[in-house]
Amino acid sequence: MSKSGCEIGMKATLTILLILMLVPVLPLLADSPGTIGFQFLRTQVGARPSAMGGAFLAIPGDVHNVFYNPAGIMAIKERSAAFSYLNDLLDFATGSVGFVQPKLGPGTLGAGILYKDYGEFVKTDITGEEIGTFGANSIALSAVYAIEPYPNLHAGASAKYIRAAIDNYSADAVAMDAGVMFTIPSQMLTFAAGVFNLGSATSAFITTKDDLPFNFRAGVSKRLAHLPLLIGFNVYKYSEEIWHGAVGGEFTLTDYLFLRLGYDNRGRDLDVGSTNDHFAGAAVGMGLLWRELQFDYAFTSYGEMGSLNRFSISGRF
């Protein structure tokens, strides 16, 4: 191996070791007394991951790894893209675009856009007189890169620029995500861990800069040997919140049709005593593969608060 190749390998090794050492303690370092802003970053992205309850941290080879675990894009072998749309609660519109280009340098390159439009609101003066309308929206742009420093060990990181705007006011932030995945091929078993939204605001709407919704996640996935079922399980913690867990499964009904089920126990936080709350956090969805395109749908229950419908289309080109 050349000197430059050895240096690249050594840097990659040090990067992995640093991530593995920091992952267990970062949730403690991230606790902050400030106000948590940029809440749209908590949105589940994509119909396939959402139908599995968001338990997607340890499932590689999907374009949505751009948002769930940057290490996962290393398993993508062809140039791919995905588009998702969500009609959110209160008719907020949320969309995402992901792109992955493999074999670029020693690793794989990805990019992502997450956008939320809160619609139009009536603007009034101090007397309550209507003087027009104003809008509000948020966007996050991500650049992702993943490598394989050792066989079956993938590591990735993403740099993000985040902006939220309300009328003529705006706030900006920069952050990073970092994740690792380790697969045991003979067992069809994958372990993963990652930190997300590690960063800070660079400007404020007025004077106070909001904190980012930093979170730590760990997970495992397993493809069963004698049943066409892929299972994912995650645990996660946001700053100043308790631990939560999510579990999901994907049944391969045929080579072209998939059924997905999931549950995120954060749905318990939405319980207001209604009978509808029994299903809060539960999700179900379908996937259809047609030629080089995959069409996915997910339905997620928020109990008495309502439900969400997500649509995604992804493909290779």
Foldseek 3Di string as FASTA:
>chain_A
DDPVVVVVLVVVVVVVVVCVVCQVCVLVVQADPFAADPVCLVDDDDQVCVQFLVLCQFPAQDQCCLSRALQRLQPHDFWKKKKKWKLDFVRKIKIKIKTKDAPDPQTIKMKMKIKIWPDKDFDADPVRHTDGIWTKMKMKIKIKIKHPSDPQKIKMKIKIWIKIDTGPFIWIWIFMKIKMKGADVVQQKIKMKIKPRHTFIPGDRPHDTHHHFIKIKIKMWGQDDPFQKIKIKMWMDTHPDDIWIKIKMWHPPDPFKIKMKMFTVCLVVLDPPDPQSVQARIKIKMWGDDDFKIKIWMWHDSGPSGIMIMIMMMGGD
